Amino acid sequence: MLDPWLARLPVTVGPGRTHQHEFVLVLSMEFPPSTVVDLPGGRRPSGWQVAVRTDVAGGRVHAVAVALPEAPLLWYVELPEPGDAATTLVAFSDTRYAEGTVLDADTATVAGVTGSQQVAALRWWPGTGLVHQVYVAAGHRRRGVGRKLGQAAFGIQAARRLPALHGDGRRTDLGEQWRAGLPDVVASRMAARSEVMPPM
């Protein structure tokens, strides 16, 4: 299994705005796994999988790009729970926001974004990386939405230098299908199913 290294690219933003950079997960043997390499040119290396644009200070995520051009447009709302016990990345698939945009809870509330409009969600514990729940709305399954969401969450966790997303062996049938569709770098961190869970 090939683990990614991270390229860190500068991001140009307007005057008076928070300084940002982009972490790009790259699958290649050019650098050791988990190494962070500063690339001043601003160009994503070949073999990139996920690119996460964050504030330099504070780690606020502004956008996530996933190298899955065939998957539907997705933008996200990140919902950390009190005490950072768990976080949920909720995906939407309409044109209100550009591909990969990540809103925080306050911005989403002001914009009138509601959970009834979601197409998918993934909940995990950032401190350990353990995935708790994955949901894809029935009308959006088997289109790459779950795979794209999983890779986006994996990238956010990696950009924050937190433990890699992984799963234990407890999964529903749909959860097992989701695992089977993930790229090897993510799927290999999901333990073989040991317990069949009922649907959500």
N, C-alpha and C. Protein backbone atom coordinates (compact mmCIF):
# COMPACT_ATOMS: atom_id res chain seq x y z
N MET A 1 0.84 -1.19 0.00
CA MET A 1 0.00 0.00 0.00
C MET A 1 0.88 1.24 0.00
N LEU A 2 0.56 2.19 -0.88
CA LEU A 2 1.31 3.44 -0.99
C LEU A 2 0.58 4.51 -0.20
N ASP A 3 1.27 5.10 0.79
CA ASP A 3 0.69 6.17 1.59
C ASP A 3 1.07 7.52 1.00
N PRO A 4 0.19 8.52 1.14
CA PRO A 4 0.50 9.82 0.53
C PRO A 4 1.51 10.65 1.32
N TRP A 5 2.22 11.50 0.58
CA TRP A 5 2.95 12.61 1.18
C TRP A 5 2.16 13.88 0.88
N LEU A 6 2.50 14.97 1.55
CA LEU A 6 1.73 16.20 1.40
C LEU A 6 2.58 17.32 0.82
N ALA A 7 2.10 17.90 -0.26
CA ALA A 7 2.70 19.12 -0.79
C ALA A 7 1.96 20.30 -0.17
N ARG A 8 2.72 21.31 0.27
CA ARG A 8 2.09 22.52 0.82
C ARG A 8 2.34 23.67 -0.16
N LEU A 9 1.24 24.23 -0.67
CA LEU A 9 1.33 25.27 -1.68
C LEU A 9 0.80 26.58 -1.12
N PRO A 10 1.41 27.70 -1.48
CA PRO A 10 0.87 29.00 -1.04
C PRO A 10 -0.42 29.31 -1.80
N VAL A 11 -1.32 30.03 -1.15
CA VAL A 11 -2.58 30.46 -1.78
C VAL A 11 -2.63 31.98 -1.71
N THR A 12 -2.88 32.61 -2.85
CA THR A 12 -2.99 34.07 -2.90
C THR A 12 -4.43 34.47 -2.60
N VAL A 13 -4.60 35.29 -1.58
CA VAL A 13 -5.93 35.81 -1.22
C VAL A 13 -5.86 37.33 -1.21
N GLY A 14 -7.01 37.98 -1.20
CA GLY A 14 -7.07 39.43 -1.26
C GLY A 14 -6.51 40.09 -0.01
N PRO A 15 -6.21 41.40 -0.11
CA PRO A 15 -5.68 42.14 1.04
C PRO A 15 -6.65 42.13 2.21
N GLY A 16 -6.09 42.01 3.40
CA GLY A 16 -6.91 42.03 4.60
C GLY A 16 -7.56 40.69 4.93
N ARG A 17 -7.33 39.67 4.09
CA ARG A 17 -7.92 38.36 4.35
C ARG A 17 -6.91 37.44 5.01
N THR A 18 -7.41 36.43 5.70
CA THR A 18 -6.55 35.49 6.40
C THR A 18 -5.63 34.77 5.43
N HIS A 19 -4.36 34.62 5.79
CA HIS A 19 -3.40 33.92 4.95
C HIS A 19 -3.77 32.44 4.88
N GLN A 20 -3.69 31.86 3.69
CA GLN A 20 -4.10 30.48 3.48
C GLN A 20 -3.01 29.71 2.74
N HIS A 21 -3.10 28.40 2.85
CA HIS A 21 -2.26 27.52 2.03
C HIS A 21 -3.08 26.28 1.68
N GLU A 22 -2.53 25.48 0.78
CA GLU A 22 -3.22 24.27 0.32
C GLU A 22 -2.33 23.07 0.58
N PHE A 23 -2.91 22.07 1.25
CA PHE A 23 -2.22 20.80 1.43
C PHE A 23 -2.73 19.84 0.36
N VAL A 24 -1.80 19.23 -0.37
CA VAL A 24 -2.16 18.33 -1.46
C VAL A 24 -1.63 16.95 -1.13
N LEU A 25 -2.53 15.96 -1.05
CA LEU A 25 -2.12 14.58 -0.80
C LEU A 25 -1.70 13.96 -2.13
N VAL A 26 -0.46 13.44 -2.16
CA VAL A 26 0.11 12.91 -3.40
C VAL A 26 0.51 11.46 -3.19
N LEU A 27 0.07 10.60 -4.11
CA LEU A 27 0.47 9.20 -4.07
C LEU A 27 1.63 8.99 -5.04
N SER A 28 2.82 8.99 -4.51
CA SER A 28 4.01 8.68 -5.30
C SER A 28 5.12 8.33 -4.32
N MET A 29 6.22 7.82 -4.85
CA MET A 29 7.36 7.46 -3.99
C MET A 29 8.42 8.56 -3.99
N GLU A 30 8.05 9.75 -4.45
CA GLU A 30 9.00 10.86 -4.55
C GLU A 30 9.49 11.30 -3.17
N PHE A 31 8.60 11.23 -2.16
CA PHE A 31 8.96 11.59 -0.78
C PHE A 31 8.37 10.53 0.15
N PRO A 32 8.95 10.37 1.35
CA PRO A 32 8.41 9.39 2.30
C PRO A 32 6.96 9.72 2.70
N PRO A 33 6.16 8.71 3.03
CA PRO A 33 4.78 8.95 3.46
C PRO A 33 4.70 9.95 4.60
N SER A 34 3.66 10.79 4.57
CA SER A 34 3.36 11.79 5.59
C SER A 34 4.32 12.98 5.60
N THR A 35 5.34 12.97 4.77
CA THR A 35 6.26 14.11 4.69
C THR A 35 5.51 15.32 4.13
N VAL A 36 5.76 16.51 4.70
CA VAL A 36 5.21 17.75 4.18
C VAL A 36 6.31 18.48 3.43
N VAL A 37 6.06 18.74 2.15
CA VAL A 37 7.06 19.38 1.29
C VAL A 37 6.50 20.71 0.80
N ASP A 38 7.20 21.80 1.05
CA ASP A 38 6.77 23.12 0.57
C ASP A 38 7.13 23.26 -0.90
N LEU A 39 6.11 23.53 -1.72
CA LEU A 39 6.29 23.73 -3.15
C LEU A 39 5.86 25.16 -3.49
N PRO A 40 6.80 26.06 -3.71
CA PRO A 40 6.46 27.47 -3.89
C PRO A 40 5.75 27.79 -5.20
N GLY A 41 5.82 26.92 -6.19
CA GLY A 41 5.26 27.23 -7.49
C GLY A 41 3.75 27.28 -7.55
N GLY A 42 3.06 26.69 -6.57
CA GLY A 42 1.60 26.73 -6.55
C GLY A 42 0.93 25.74 -7.47
N ARG A 43 1.68 24.78 -8.01
CA ARG A 43 1.11 23.81 -8.94
C ARG A 43 1.02 22.44 -8.27
N ARG A 44 -0.15 21.81 -8.38
CA ARG A 44 -0.32 20.48 -7.78
C ARG A 44 0.51 19.44 -8.52
N PRO A 45 1.24 18.60 -7.77
CA PRO A 45 2.06 17.57 -8.43
C PRO A 45 1.19 16.50 -9.08
N SER A 46 1.75 15.81 -10.07
CA SER A 46 1.03 14.69 -10.68
C SER A 46 0.86 13.60 -9.62
N GLY A 47 -0.22 12.86 -9.73
CA GLY A 47 -0.52 11.84 -8.73
C GLY A 47 -1.28 12.36 -7.53
N TRP A 48 -1.69 13.64 -7.57
CA TRP A 48 -2.42 14.19 -6.42
C TRP A 48 -3.80 13.54 -6.33
N GLN A 49 -4.28 13.41 -5.10
CA GLN A 49 -5.57 12.78 -4.84
C GLN A 49 -6.59 13.75 -4.24
N VAL A 50 -6.15 14.54 -3.26
CA VAL A 50 -7.03 15.47 -2.55
C VAL A 50 -6.22 16.74 -2.27
N ALA A 51 -6.87 17.90 -2.42
CA ALA A 51 -6.23 19.18 -2.09
C ALA A 51 -7.14 19.92 -1.12
N VAL A 52 -6.58 20.35 0.01
CA VAL A 52 -7.35 20.97 1.09
C VAL A 52 -6.80 22.37 1.34
N ARG A 53 -7.63 23.41 1.13
CA ARG A 53 -7.22 24.79 1.36
C ARG A 53 -7.65 25.21 2.75
N THR A 54 -6.68 25.63 3.57
CA THR A 54 -6.94 25.98 4.97
C THR A 54 -6.30 27.32 5.32
N ASP A 55 -6.77 27.90 6.42
CA ASP A 55 -6.06 29.03 7.01
C ASP A 55 -4.72 28.54 7.53
N VAL A 56 -3.71 29.40 7.42
CA VAL A 56 -2.41 29.05 7.98
C VAL A 56 -2.51 28.94 9.50
N ALA A 57 -3.22 29.87 10.12
CA ALA A 57 -3.43 29.83 11.57
C ALA A 57 -4.85 29.34 11.85
N GLY A 58 -4.98 28.30 12.63
CA GLY A 58 -6.30 27.86 13.05
C GLY A 58 -6.86 26.66 12.32
N GLY A 59 -6.40 26.38 11.13
CA GLY A 59 -6.82 25.17 10.44
C GLY A 59 -8.22 25.18 9.86
N ARG A 60 -8.88 26.36 9.80
CA ARG A 60 -10.21 26.44 9.18
C ARG A 60 -10.11 26.04 7.71
N VAL A 61 -10.92 25.05 7.31
CA VAL A 61 -10.92 24.55 5.93
C VAL A 61 -11.87 25.39 5.09
N HIS A 62 -11.39 25.83 3.93
CA HIS A 62 -12.21 26.64 3.02
C HIS A 62 -12.65 25.88 1.78
N ALA A 63 -11.85 24.88 1.36
CA ALA A 63 -12.20 24.14 0.14
C ALA A 63 -11.48 22.81 0.13
N VAL A 64 -12.12 21.82 -0.51
CA VAL A 64 -11.51 20.51 -0.70
C VAL A 64 -11.75 20.09 -2.15
N ALA A 65 -10.67 19.81 -2.85
CA ALA A 65 -10.77 19.29 -4.22
C ALA A 65 -10.39 17.82 -4.20
N VAL A 66 -11.18 16.99 -4.87
CA VAL A 66 -10.92 15.56 -4.94
C VAL A 66 -10.73 15.20 -6.41
N ALA A 67 -9.70 14.43 -6.71
CA ALA A 67 -9.39 14.07 -8.10
C ALA A 67 -10.31 12.96 -8.59
N LEU A 68 -11.59 13.27 -8.66
CA LEU A 68 -12.61 12.35 -9.18
C LEU A 68 -13.50 13.13 -10.15
N PRO A 69 -13.01 13.44 -11.33
CA PRO A 69 -13.77 14.30 -12.25
C PRO A 69 -15.11 13.73 -12.67
N GLU A 70 -15.28 12.41 -12.57
CA GLU A 70 -16.55 11.79 -12.98
C GLU A 70 -17.63 11.88 -11.90
N ALA A 71 -17.26 12.22 -10.67
CA ALA A 71 -18.23 12.30 -9.57
C ALA A 71 -19.01 13.61 -9.66
N PRO A 72 -20.23 13.65 -9.11
CA PRO A 72 -21.02 14.88 -9.13
C PRO A 72 -20.37 16.01 -8.34
N LEU A 73 -20.76 17.24 -8.66
CA LEU A 73 -20.34 18.41 -7.90
C LEU A 73 -20.76 18.23 -6.44
N LEU A 74 -19.83 18.52 -5.55
CA LEU A 74 -20.15 18.51 -4.11
C LEU A 74 -19.54 19.74 -3.46
N TRP A 75 -20.27 20.34 -2.52
CA TRP A 75 -19.73 21.31 -1.59
C TRP A 75 -20.18 20.86 -0.21
N TYR A 76 -19.58 21.43 0.84
CA TYR A 76 -19.70 20.83 2.16
C TYR A 76 -19.97 21.84 3.26
N VAL A 77 -20.51 21.32 4.36
CA VAL A 77 -20.59 22.06 5.62
C VAL A 77 -19.90 21.18 6.67
N GLU A 78 -18.94 21.77 7.38
CA GLU A 78 -18.25 21.03 8.45
C GLU A 78 -18.88 21.39 9.78
N LEU A 79 -19.28 20.37 10.53
CA LEU A 79 -20.00 20.57 11.79
C LEU A 79 -19.27 19.88 12.94
N PRO A 80 -18.32 20.56 13.56
CA PRO A 80 -17.68 19.97 14.75
C PRO A 80 -18.64 19.99 15.93
N GLU A 81 -18.60 18.95 16.73
CA GLU A 81 -19.45 18.87 17.91
C GLU A 81 -18.73 19.52 19.10
N PRO A 82 -19.49 19.93 20.13
CA PRO A 82 -18.87 20.59 21.29
C PRO A 82 -17.72 19.76 21.86
N GLY A 83 -16.64 20.44 22.16
CA GLY A 83 -15.47 19.76 22.70
C GLY A 83 -14.67 19.00 21.66
N ASP A 84 -15.02 19.18 20.38
CA ASP A 84 -14.34 18.47 19.28
C ASP A 84 -14.37 16.95 19.47
N ALA A 85 -15.42 16.46 20.13
CA ALA A 85 -15.54 15.02 20.33
C ALA A 85 -15.68 14.31 19.00
N ALA A 86 -16.48 14.85 18.10
CA ALA A 86 -16.68 14.27 16.78
C ALA A 86 -16.94 15.42 15.81
N THR A 87 -16.83 15.13 14.55
CA THR A 87 -17.17 16.13 13.53
C THR A 87 -17.90 15.43 12.39
N THR A 88 -18.74 16.19 11.71
CA THR A 88 -19.47 15.66 10.57
C THR A 88 -19.23 16.56 9.37
N LEU A 89 -18.93 15.93 8.24
CA LEU A 89 -18.82 16.65 6.98
C LEU A 89 -20.07 16.31 6.17
N VAL A 90 -20.90 17.33 5.94
CA VAL A 90 -22.17 17.15 5.23
C VAL A 90 -22.00 17.64 3.81
N ALA A 91 -22.43 16.84 2.84
CA ALA A 91 -22.24 17.16 1.42
C ALA A 91 -23.55 17.59 0.78
N PHE A 92 -23.45 18.56 -0.12
CA PHE A 92 -24.58 19.07 -0.90
C PHE A 92 -24.17 19.04 -2.37
N SER A 93 -25.16 18.95 -3.26
CA SER A 93 -24.84 18.78 -4.68
C SER A 93 -25.68 19.69 -5.55
N ASP A 94 -25.65 20.99 -5.25
CA ASP A 94 -26.34 21.97 -6.10
C ASP A 94 -25.36 23.10 -6.39
N THR A 95 -25.79 24.07 -7.16
CA THR A 95 -24.86 25.10 -7.65
C THR A 95 -24.84 26.37 -6.80
N ARG A 96 -25.34 26.31 -5.56
CA ARG A 96 -25.25 27.50 -4.70
C ARG A 96 -23.82 27.88 -4.40
N TYR A 97 -22.94 26.89 -4.33
CA TYR A 97 -21.53 27.14 -4.05
C TYR A 97 -20.67 26.39 -5.05
N ALA A 98 -19.46 26.88 -5.24
CA ALA A 98 -18.54 26.25 -6.18
C ALA A 98 -18.11 24.88 -5.68
N GLU A 99 -17.71 24.04 -6.60
CA GLU A 99 -17.19 22.71 -6.30
C GLU A 99 -16.15 22.78 -5.18
N GLY A 100 -16.35 21.94 -4.16
CA GLY A 100 -15.37 21.80 -3.10
C GLY A 100 -15.43 22.82 -1.98
N THR A 101 -16.29 23.84 -2.09
CA THR A 101 -16.40 24.85 -1.04
C THR A 101 -16.76 24.19 0.28
N VAL A 102 -16.14 24.64 1.37
CA VAL A 102 -16.46 24.14 2.71
C VAL A 102 -16.92 25.33 3.56
N LEU A 103 -18.16 25.25 4.04
CA LEU A 103 -18.71 26.29 4.92
C LEU A 103 -18.59 25.83 6.37
N ASP A 104 -18.44 26.80 7.28
CA ASP A 104 -18.56 26.45 8.69
C ASP A 104 -20.03 26.56 9.10
N ALA A 105 -20.35 26.16 10.31
CA ALA A 105 -21.74 26.10 10.75
C ALA A 105 -22.41 27.47 10.73
N ASP A 106 -21.70 28.51 11.18
CA ASP A 106 -22.30 29.85 11.23
C ASP A 106 -22.62 30.37 9.83
N THR A 107 -21.69 30.20 8.90
CA THR A 107 -21.91 30.66 7.53
C THR A 107 -23.08 29.92 6.89
N ALA A 108 -23.15 28.61 7.14
CA ALA A 108 -24.24 27.81 6.58
C ALA A 108 -25.59 28.25 7.14
N THR A 109 -25.64 28.56 8.42
CA THR A 109 -26.90 29.00 9.04
C THR A 109 -27.36 30.32 8.44
N VAL A 110 -26.45 31.28 8.32
CA VAL A 110 -26.79 32.57 7.74
C VAL A 110 -27.28 32.41 6.30
N ALA A 111 -26.68 31.47 5.57
CA ALA A 111 -27.03 31.25 4.16
C ALA A 111 -28.32 30.44 4.00
N GLY A 112 -28.89 29.95 5.09
CA GLY A 112 -30.12 29.19 5.00
C GLY A 112 -29.95 27.75 4.58
N VAL A 113 -28.75 27.21 4.73
CA VAL A 113 -28.50 25.80 4.38
C VAL A 113 -29.11 24.92 5.46
N THR A 114 -29.89 23.93 5.06
CA THR A 114 -30.51 23.02 6.03
C THR A 114 -30.15 21.57 5.71
N GLY A 115 -30.24 20.74 6.73
CA GLY A 115 -29.92 19.33 6.57
C GLY A 115 -30.82 18.60 5.59
N SER A 116 -32.01 19.11 5.37
CA SER A 116 -32.93 18.44 4.44
C SER A 116 -32.41 18.49 3.00
N GLN A 117 -31.44 19.36 2.73
CA GLN A 117 -30.90 19.51 1.38
C GLN A 117 -29.65 18.67 1.14
N GLN A 118 -29.19 17.95 2.17
CA GLN A 118 -27.93 17.20 2.04
C GLN A 118 -28.09 15.98 1.14
N VAL A 119 -26.98 15.57 0.52
CA VAL A 119 -26.97 14.34 -0.25
C VAL A 119 -26.15 13.25 0.44
N ALA A 120 -25.29 13.65 1.39
CA ALA A 120 -24.46 12.67 2.08
C ALA A 120 -23.84 13.31 3.31
N ALA A 121 -23.35 12.47 4.22
CA ALA A 121 -22.68 12.94 5.43
C ALA A 121 -21.75 11.86 5.94
N LEU A 122 -20.65 12.30 6.56
CA LEU A 122 -19.70 11.38 7.17
C LEU A 122 -19.32 11.94 8.53
N ARG A 123 -19.45 11.12 9.57
CA ARG A 123 -19.13 11.53 10.95
C ARG A 123 -17.96 10.71 11.45
N TRP A 124 -17.00 11.39 12.08
CA TRP A 124 -15.84 10.69 12.63
C TRP A 124 -15.30 11.42 13.84
N TRP A 125 -14.40 10.74 14.57
CA TRP A 125 -13.74 11.32 15.73
C TRP A 125 -12.35 11.80 15.30
N PRO A 126 -12.13 13.12 15.23
CA PRO A 126 -10.83 13.63 14.77
C PRO A 126 -9.65 13.18 15.61
N GLY A 127 -9.86 13.04 16.92
CA GLY A 127 -8.75 12.66 17.79
C GLY A 127 -8.17 11.29 17.51
N THR A 128 -9.01 10.40 16.99
CA THR A 128 -8.54 9.05 16.68
C THR A 128 -8.62 8.72 15.19
N GLY A 129 -9.45 9.44 14.46
CA GLY A 129 -9.66 9.15 13.03
C GLY A 129 -10.70 8.08 12.77
N LEU A 130 -11.34 7.57 13.82
CA LEU A 130 -12.32 6.49 13.63
C LEU A 130 -13.61 7.02 13.01
N VAL A 131 -14.00 6.42 11.89
CA VAL A 131 -15.25 6.77 11.22
C VAL A 131 -16.40 6.11 11.97
N HIS A 132 -17.45 6.91 12.25
CA HIS A 132 -18.60 6.41 12.99
C HIS A 132 -19.77 6.11 12.07
N GLN A 133 -20.12 7.06 11.18
CA GLN A 133 -21.28 6.88 10.31
C GLN A 133 -21.00 7.47 8.93
N VAL A 134 -21.55 6.80 7.92
CA VAL A 134 -21.53 7.31 6.55
C VAL A 134 -22.95 7.20 6.02
N TYR A 135 -23.43 8.28 5.41
CA TYR A 135 -24.79 8.28 4.87
C TYR A 135 -24.77 8.88 3.47
N VAL A 136 -25.44 8.23 2.52
CA VAL A 136 -25.67 8.80 1.19
C VAL A 136 -27.16 8.65 0.90
N ALA A 137 -27.81 9.75 0.53
CA ALA A 137 -29.24 9.72 0.23
C ALA A 137 -29.51 8.74 -0.92
N ALA A 138 -30.64 8.07 -0.84
CA ALA A 138 -30.95 7.00 -1.79
C ALA A 138 -30.82 7.43 -3.24
N GLY A 139 -31.28 8.62 -3.58
CA GLY A 139 -31.25 9.07 -4.97
C GLY A 139 -29.86 9.44 -5.47
N HIS A 140 -28.84 9.39 -4.58
CA HIS A 140 -27.49 9.81 -4.98
C HIS A 140 -26.47 8.68 -4.84
N ARG A 141 -26.94 7.47 -4.61
CA ARG A 141 -26.02 6.35 -4.44
C ARG A 141 -25.52 5.83 -5.79
N ARG A 142 -24.35 5.18 -5.73
CA ARG A 142 -23.71 4.57 -6.90
C ARG A 142 -23.36 5.59 -7.98
N ARG A 143 -23.04 6.80 -7.54
CA ARG A 143 -22.61 7.85 -8.46
C ARG A 143 -21.25 8.43 -8.07
N GLY A 144 -20.63 7.85 -7.05
CA GLY A 144 -19.34 8.34 -6.61
C GLY A 144 -19.41 9.35 -5.48
N VAL A 145 -20.62 9.64 -4.98
CA VAL A 145 -20.77 10.65 -3.93
C VAL A 145 -20.10 10.19 -2.64
N GLY A 146 -20.36 8.97 -2.22
CA GLY A 146 -19.78 8.45 -0.98
C GLY A 146 -18.26 8.36 -1.05
N ARG A 147 -17.76 7.92 -2.20
CA ARG A 147 -16.30 7.83 -2.37
C ARG A 147 -15.67 9.22 -2.29
N LYS A 148 -16.28 10.18 -2.98
CA LYS A 148 -15.73 11.54 -2.98
C LYS A 148 -15.78 12.14 -1.58
N LEU A 149 -16.88 11.95 -0.88
CA LEU A 149 -17.00 12.45 0.49
C LEU A 149 -15.95 11.82 1.40
N GLY A 150 -15.76 10.51 1.27
CA GLY A 150 -14.77 9.82 2.09
C GLY A 150 -13.36 10.35 1.85
N GLN A 151 -13.02 10.60 0.59
CA GLN A 151 -11.70 11.13 0.28
C GLN A 151 -11.54 12.57 0.79
N ALA A 152 -12.63 13.35 0.70
CA ALA A 152 -12.57 14.72 1.22
C ALA A 152 -12.30 14.72 2.72
N ALA A 153 -13.01 13.89 3.46
CA ALA A 153 -12.81 13.81 4.91
C ALA A 153 -11.41 13.30 5.24
N PHE A 154 -10.95 12.31 4.48
CA PHE A 154 -9.59 11.78 4.67
C PHE A 154 -8.57 12.91 4.48
N GLY A 155 -8.77 13.74 3.46
CA GLY A 155 -7.86 14.84 3.19
C GLY A 155 -7.87 15.90 4.28
N ILE A 156 -9.06 16.23 4.78
CA ILE A 156 -9.16 17.22 5.87
C ILE A 156 -8.40 16.73 7.10
N GLN A 157 -8.58 15.48 7.44
CA GLN A 157 -7.89 14.91 8.60
C GLN A 157 -6.37 14.95 8.39
N ALA A 158 -5.93 14.61 7.19
CA ALA A 158 -4.49 14.61 6.90
C ALA A 158 -3.92 16.02 6.92
N ALA A 159 -4.66 16.98 6.36
CA ALA A 159 -4.18 18.37 6.33
C ALA A 159 -4.00 18.93 7.72
N ARG A 160 -4.80 18.46 8.66
CA ARG A 160 -4.68 18.91 10.05
C ARG A 160 -3.67 18.11 10.83
N ARG A 161 -3.01 17.17 10.15
CA ARG A 161 -1.97 16.34 10.75
C ARG A 161 -2.51 15.53 11.91
N LEU A 162 -3.72 15.02 11.73
CA LEU A 162 -4.39 14.18 12.72
C LEU A 162 -4.35 12.73 12.26
N PRO A 163 -4.67 11.78 13.13
CA PRO A 163 -4.63 10.37 12.74
C PRO A 163 -5.49 10.10 11.51
N ALA A 164 -5.00 9.23 10.64
CA ALA A 164 -5.70 8.92 9.39
C ALA A 164 -7.08 8.33 9.68
N LEU A 165 -8.04 8.68 8.83
CA LEU A 165 -9.36 8.07 8.95
C LEU A 165 -9.24 6.56 8.82
N HIS A 166 -9.99 5.86 9.64
CA HIS A 166 -10.02 4.41 9.57
C HIS A 166 -11.36 3.92 10.10
N GLY A 167 -11.64 2.65 9.87
CA GLY A 167 -12.90 2.08 10.35
C GLY A 167 -12.68 0.75 11.02
N ASP A 168 -13.55 0.44 11.98
CA ASP A 168 -13.49 -0.89 12.58
C ASP A 168 -14.32 -1.83 11.71
N GLY A 169 -14.57 -3.02 12.19
CA GLY A 169 -15.24 -4.01 11.36
C GLY A 169 -16.76 -3.99 11.42
N ARG A 170 -17.35 -3.00 12.08
CA ARG A 170 -18.82 -2.95 12.20
C ARG A 170 -19.38 -2.08 11.08
N ARG A 171 -20.11 -2.72 10.14
CA ARG A 171 -20.65 -1.97 9.00
C ARG A 171 -21.97 -2.55 8.54
N THR A 172 -22.80 -1.67 8.00
CA THR A 172 -24.02 -2.11 7.33
C THR A 172 -23.66 -2.66 5.95
N ASP A 173 -24.63 -3.22 5.26
CA ASP A 173 -24.38 -3.69 3.89
C ASP A 173 -23.99 -2.52 2.99
N LEU A 174 -24.68 -1.39 3.15
CA LEU A 174 -24.34 -0.22 2.35
C LEU A 174 -22.95 0.32 2.73
N GLY A 175 -22.61 0.24 4.01
CA GLY A 175 -21.28 0.65 4.44
C GLY A 175 -20.20 -0.22 3.83
N GLU A 176 -20.49 -1.48 3.68
CA GLU A 176 -19.53 -2.40 3.05
C GLU A 176 -19.37 -2.07 1.57
N GLN A 177 -20.46 -1.71 0.90
CA GLN A 177 -20.38 -1.30 -0.49
C GLN A 177 -19.56 -0.01 -0.61
N TRP A 178 -19.76 0.91 0.32
CA TRP A 178 -18.98 2.16 0.32
C TRP A 178 -17.50 1.86 0.45
N ARG A 179 -17.13 0.98 1.39
CA ARG A 179 -15.72 0.63 1.59
C ARG A 179 -15.14 0.05 0.31
N ALA A 180 -15.90 -0.80 -0.38
CA ALA A 180 -15.40 -1.45 -1.60
C ALA A 180 -15.11 -0.44 -2.70
N GLY A 181 -15.80 0.71 -2.68
CA GLY A 181 -15.60 1.72 -3.72
C GLY A 181 -14.51 2.72 -3.43
N LEU A 182 -13.92 2.66 -2.23
CA LEU A 182 -12.88 3.63 -1.86
C LEU A 182 -11.56 3.28 -2.52
N PRO A 183 -10.70 4.28 -2.76
CA PRO A 183 -9.35 3.97 -3.26
C PRO A 183 -8.58 3.19 -2.20
N ASP A 184 -7.58 2.44 -2.64
CA ASP A 184 -6.83 1.57 -1.72
C ASP A 184 -6.26 2.30 -0.52
N VAL A 185 -5.79 3.53 -0.73
CA VAL A 185 -5.15 4.26 0.36
C VAL A 185 -6.12 4.53 1.51
N VAL A 186 -7.42 4.61 1.21
CA VAL A 186 -8.43 4.82 2.25
C VAL A 186 -9.02 3.47 2.68
N ALA A 187 -9.41 2.64 1.70
CA ALA A 187 -10.06 1.36 2.00
C ALA A 187 -9.19 0.46 2.86
N SER A 188 -7.88 0.53 2.67
CA SER A 188 -6.98 -0.35 3.43
C SER A 188 -7.01 -0.03 4.92
N ARG A 189 -7.53 1.14 5.29
CA ARG A 189 -7.62 1.52 6.69
C ARG A 189 -8.97 1.15 7.30
N MET A 190 -9.83 0.55 6.51
CA MET A 190 -11.12 0.08 7.01
C MET A 190 -11.01 -1.42 7.27
N ALA A 191 -11.10 -1.82 8.51
CA ALA A 191 -10.93 -3.23 8.88
C ALA A 191 -11.95 -4.09 8.15
N ALA A 192 -11.59 -5.34 7.91
CA ALA A 192 -12.53 -6.29 7.32
C ALA A 192 -13.77 -6.37 8.20
N ARG A 193 -14.93 -6.51 7.56
CA ARG A 193 -16.17 -6.51 8.33
C ARG A 193 -16.24 -7.69 9.27
N SER A 194 -16.49 -7.38 10.53
CA SER A 194 -16.58 -8.42 11.57
C SER A 194 -17.97 -8.48 12.19
N GLU A 195 -18.79 -7.45 11.95
CA GLU A 195 -20.14 -7.41 12.51
C GLU A 195 -21.06 -6.68 11.55
N VAL A 196 -22.18 -7.32 11.21
CA VAL A 196 -23.16 -6.72 10.30
C VAL A 196 -24.09 -5.82 11.12
N MET A 197 -24.10 -4.53 10.78
CA MET A 197 -24.93 -3.58 11.51
C MET A 197 -26.22 -3.34 10.74
N PRO A 198 -27.31 -3.03 11.46
CA PRO A 198 -28.58 -2.74 10.78
C PRO A 198 -28.50 -1.40 10.05
N PRO A 199 -29.33 -1.20 9.03
CA PRO A 199 -29.32 0.08 8.33
C PRO A 199 -29.60 1.23 9.27
N MET A 200 -29.09 2.42 8.92
CA MET A 200 -29.32 3.62 9.74
C MET A 200 -30.80 3.95 9.77
